[in-house]
Amino acid sequence: MLLTQVSFRENRFLHLLVAAMAAVFAASAYHPTMVFDWFLENLIVLVFIIALILSYRAVPLSRTSYVLIFLYLCFHEWGAHYKYDGVPLGEWIKVWLHTNRNHYDRVLHLLFGLLLGYPMMEAYMHLTGVRNAWRYWFPLEASLAFGAIYEIIEATVAAFVSPEHGEAFVGMQGDIWDAQKDIAFGLVGAAIAMTITYLIDRSRAHRAA
């Protein structure tokens, strides 16, 4: 499943992804709804990208994982541009669900587990050498852990940077269970991703037998 990583200089596929990501990032940064909030939303993205760069040789990932990471970051940048509670997709969902709440943040938490579950599994397999069924369980635990850490960081930043607008910054939109629901959606996304991965792996094993 995991491929030997070529040097970045020779990885043309990754060059294209980096160029595409730069274009997405530039589009997101062009006249965002709130510049300061856009900056805060992208601090974690910056840390994540630096971690990917530093771990490129130590933790090889497949093309599939890099594409999934790219897709997730695209959705995140869309949310950061509109400050999440104003994303057009969330406005459309309001009509479908007959609600006054913009649920784009829920969509992104679901996508966190759904799109990043497979890369997390690959990284786990490479770092630990685990190849048994536990590899499907790790992304579920990681999604819960990372979701909780993100909510804590978000609440802490809001308390220090903008205490009078803390609820608006974290995107609660009047829901006191917002953080718990966001974390739960990440878990559901990871569960779906691992179920699909397990079915594909089992199908390949049957064909190879």
Protein backbone atom coordinates (compact mmCIF):
# COMPACT_ATOMS: atom_id res chain seq x y z
CA MET A 1 0.00 0.00 0.00
CA LEU A 2 2.75 2.45 0.94
CA LEU A 3 5.19 3.42 -1.78
CA THR A 4 8.84 4.35 -1.49
CA GLN A 5 8.96 8.12 -1.54
CA VAL A 6 10.87 9.77 -4.38
CA SER A 7 12.57 13.08 -3.82
CA PHE A 8 10.32 16.12 -4.02
CA ARG A 9 12.33 17.44 -6.97
CA GLU A 10 11.35 14.37 -9.00
CA ASN A 11 7.75 14.16 -7.81
CA ARG A 12 5.90 15.86 -10.70
CA PHE A 13 2.53 14.77 -9.37
CA LEU A 14 3.15 16.53 -6.07
CA HIS A 15 4.40 19.61 -7.93
CA LEU A 16 0.99 19.88 -9.61
CA LEU A 17 -0.81 19.48 -6.29
CA VAL A 18 1.34 22.17 -4.68
CA ALA A 19 0.65 24.56 -7.57
CA ALA A 20 -3.09 23.84 -7.35
CA MET A 21 -3.03 24.34 -3.57
CA ALA A 22 -1.24 27.68 -4.00
CA ALA A 23 -3.97 28.80 -6.41
CA VAL A 24 -6.71 27.73 -3.98
CA PHE A 25 -4.96 29.49 -1.12
CA ALA A 26 -4.61 32.70 -3.16
CA ALA A 27 -8.30 32.59 -4.13
CA SER A 28 -9.29 32.10 -0.49
CA ALA A 29 -7.09 35.02 0.58
CA TYR A 30 -8.64 37.39 -1.99
CA HIS A 31 -11.03 39.69 -0.14
CA PRO A 32 -12.17 37.23 2.55
CA THR A 33 -15.25 38.10 4.60
CA MET A 34 -13.09 38.87 7.66
CA VAL A 35 -9.33 39.14 7.15
CA PHE A 36 -8.38 38.53 10.77
CA ASP A 37 -10.59 35.45 11.08
CA TRP A 38 -9.20 34.14 7.79
CA PHE A 39 -5.70 34.52 9.21
CA LEU A 40 -6.61 32.69 12.41
CA GLU A 41 -8.35 29.87 10.52
CA ASN A 42 -5.20 29.34 8.47
CA LEU A 43 -2.71 29.24 11.33
CA ILE A 44 -3.45 25.55 11.90
CA VAL A 45 -3.30 24.95 8.13
CA LEU A 46 0.17 26.50 8.09
CA VAL A 47 1.31 24.23 10.92
CA PHE A 48 -0.20 21.22 9.13
CA ILE A 49 1.57 22.03 5.85
CA ILE A 50 4.89 22.54 7.64
CA ALA A 51 4.41 19.14 9.31
CA LEU A 52 3.76 17.54 5.90
CA ILE A 53 6.93 19.12 4.50
CA LEU A 54 9.11 18.07 7.43
CA SER A 55 7.73 14.50 7.42
CA TYR A 56 7.84 14.04 3.64
CA ARG A 57 10.81 11.66 3.71
CA ALA A 58 10.18 10.11 7.12
CA VAL A 59 6.49 9.29 6.56
CA PRO A 60 5.86 8.41 2.90
CA LEU A 61 2.27 8.77 1.75
CA SER A 62 0.60 7.57 -1.44
CA ARG A 63 -0.78 9.76 -4.20
CA THR A 64 -4.25 8.90 -2.96
CA SER A 65 -3.48 10.36 0.46
CA TYR A 66 -2.05 13.57 -0.97
CA VAL A 67 -5.11 14.03 -3.18
CA LEU A 68 -7.43 13.48 -0.20
CA ILE A 69 -5.45 16.01 1.86
CA PHE A 70 -5.63 18.49 -1.02
CA LEU A 71 -9.40 18.08 -1.31
CA TYR A 72 -9.89 18.62 2.41
CA LEU A 73 -7.79 21.79 2.36
CA CYS A 74 -9.83 23.08 -0.60
CA PHE A 75 -13.04 22.74 1.43
CA HIS A 76 -11.33 24.36 4.42
CA GLU A 77 -10.15 27.35 2.38
CA TRP A 78 -13.67 27.84 1.05
CA GLY A 79 -14.91 27.95 4.62
CA ALA A 80 -12.13 30.27 5.76
CA HIS A 81 -12.91 32.72 2.95
CA TYR A 82 -16.56 33.04 4.00
CA LYS A 83 -15.96 32.65 7.76
CA TYR A 84 -17.79 29.30 7.74
CA ASP A 85 -21.18 30.60 8.85
CA GLY A 86 -21.60 32.36 5.50
CA VAL A 87 -20.46 29.67 3.06
CA PRO A 88 -22.93 29.38 0.14
CA LEU A 89 -23.16 25.58 0.46
CA GLY A 90 -24.28 26.00 4.06
CA GLU A 91 -26.91 28.50 2.95
CA TRP A 92 -28.25 25.97 0.45
CA ILE A 93 -28.32 23.32 3.19
CA LYS A 94 -30.49 25.67 5.26
CA VAL A 95 -33.19 25.34 2.62
CA TRP A 96 -32.84 21.55 2.38
CA LEU A 97 -32.97 21.03 6.16
CA HIS A 98 -35.42 23.87 6.90
CA THR A 99 -33.07 25.35 9.49
CA ASN A 100 -31.70 28.78 10.32
CA ARG A 101 -28.20 27.46 11.00
CA ASN A 102 -25.42 27.33 8.42
CA HIS A 103 -24.15 23.75 8.71
CA TYR A 104 -21.01 24.08 6.59
CA ASP A 105 -18.85 23.64 9.69
CA ARG A 106 -20.55 20.29 10.27
CA VAL A 107 -19.82 19.33 6.66
CA LEU A 108 -16.15 20.15 7.11
CA HIS A 109 -15.86 18.13 10.32
CA LEU A 110 -17.46 15.19 8.51
CA LEU A 111 -14.95 15.66 5.67
CA PHE A 112 -12.10 15.77 8.18
CA GLY A 113 -12.70 12.15 9.08
CA LEU A 114 -13.85 11.11 5.62
CA LEU A 115 -10.94 12.60 3.65
CA LEU A 116 -8.12 12.49 6.21
CA GLY A 117 -8.95 9.08 7.67
CA TYR A 118 -7.05 7.21 4.94
CA PRO A 119 -3.89 9.40 5.16
CA MET A 120 -3.94 8.95 8.95
CA MET A 121 -4.13 5.18 8.47
CA GLU A 122 -1.19 5.20 6.06
CA ALA A 123 0.93 7.30 8.41
CA TYR A 124 0.04 5.01 11.31
CA MET A 125 0.98 1.91 9.33
CA HIS A 126 4.31 3.40 8.31
CA LEU A 127 5.25 4.59 11.80
CA THR A 128 4.17 1.45 13.68
CA GLY A 129 4.39 -1.31 11.09
CA VAL A 130 0.85 -2.41 12.00
CA ARG A 131 -0.89 -4.26 9.17
CA ASN A 132 -3.73 -5.98 11.02
CA ALA A 133 -7.29 -4.79 11.69
CA TRP A 134 -6.09 -2.20 14.20
CA ARG A 135 -5.09 0.02 11.32
CA TYR A 136 -8.79 0.65 10.63
CA TRP A 137 -9.43 1.63 14.23
CA PHE A 138 -6.67 4.23 14.59
CA PRO A 139 -8.23 6.90 12.30
CA LEU A 140 -11.42 6.79 14.38
CA GLU A 141 -9.49 7.45 17.59
CA ALA A 142 -7.32 10.07 15.87
CA SER A 143 -10.37 11.88 14.48
CA LEU A 144 -11.85 12.11 17.97
CA ALA A 145 -8.57 13.28 19.47
CA PHE A 146 -7.76 15.85 16.79
CA GLY A 147 -11.35 17.08 16.81
CA ALA A 148 -11.24 17.65 20.56
CA ILE A 149 -7.82 19.34 20.38
CA TYR A 150 -9.05 21.66 17.63
CA GLU A 151 -12.13 22.65 19.62
CA ILE A 152 -9.99 23.38 22.69
CA ILE A 153 -7.53 25.47 20.67
CA GLU A 154 -10.37 27.33 18.96
CA ALA A 155 -12.07 28.14 22.26
CA THR A 156 -8.77 29.23 23.84
CA VAL A 157 -7.90 31.52 20.94
CA ALA A 158 -11.40 33.03 21.02
CA ALA A 159 -11.13 33.66 24.78
CA PHE A 160 -7.83 35.52 24.44
CA VAL A 161 -8.19 37.24 21.07
CA SER A 162 -11.86 38.18 20.99
CA PRO A 163 -13.66 37.33 24.26
CA GLU A 164 -16.63 39.57 23.47
CA HIS A 165 -17.20 37.74 20.18
CA GLY A 166 -16.08 34.29 21.29
CA GLU A 167 -19.29 32.49 20.38
CA ALA A 168 -19.31 34.00 16.89
CA PHE A 169 -15.64 33.14 16.34
CA VAL A 170 -16.02 29.45 17.21
CA GLY A 171 -19.14 29.26 15.05
CA MET A 172 -21.56 28.06 17.71
CA GLN A 173 -24.50 29.84 16.07
CA GLY A 174 -26.49 29.46 19.27
CA ASP A 175 -25.86 25.72 19.71
CA ILE A 176 -24.32 24.98 23.13
CA TRP A 177 -23.46 21.43 21.93
CA ASP A 178 -21.66 22.69 18.84
CA ALA A 179 -18.21 21.34 19.82
CA GLN A 180 -19.52 17.88 20.72
CA LYS A 181 -21.49 17.62 17.49
CA ASP A 182 -18.49 18.72 15.42
CA ILE A 183 -16.31 16.04 17.03
CA ALA A 184 -19.01 13.43 16.47
CA PHE A 185 -19.26 14.31 12.78
CA GLY A 186 -15.51 13.80 12.44
CA LEU A 187 -15.87 10.35 13.98
CA VAL A 188 -18.70 9.47 11.57
CA GLY A 189 -16.61 10.59 8.62
CA ALA A 190 -13.66 8.46 9.73
CA ALA A 191 -15.94 5.46 10.26
CA ILE A 192 -17.27 5.80 6.71
CA ALA A 193 -13.75 6.15 5.30
CA MET A 194 -12.48 3.08 7.13
CA THR A 195 -15.51 1.01 6.16
CA ILE A 196 -14.89 1.83 2.50
CA THR A 197 -11.17 1.13 2.87
CA TYR A 198 -11.84 -2.22 4.57
CA LEU A 199 -14.25 -3.30 1.83
CA ILE A 200 -11.75 -2.35 -0.88
CA ASP A 201 -8.91 -4.16 0.90
CA ARG A 202 -11.05 -7.29 1.37
CA SER A 203 -12.08 -7.22 -2.31
CA ARG A 204 -8.44 -7.01 -3.38
CA ALA A 205 -7.49 -9.83 -1.05
CA HIS A 206 -10.23 -12.06 -2.50
CA ARG A 207 -9.11 -11.34 -6.06
CA ALA A 208 -5.49 -12.10 -5.17
CA ALA A 209 -6.42 -15.39 -3.46
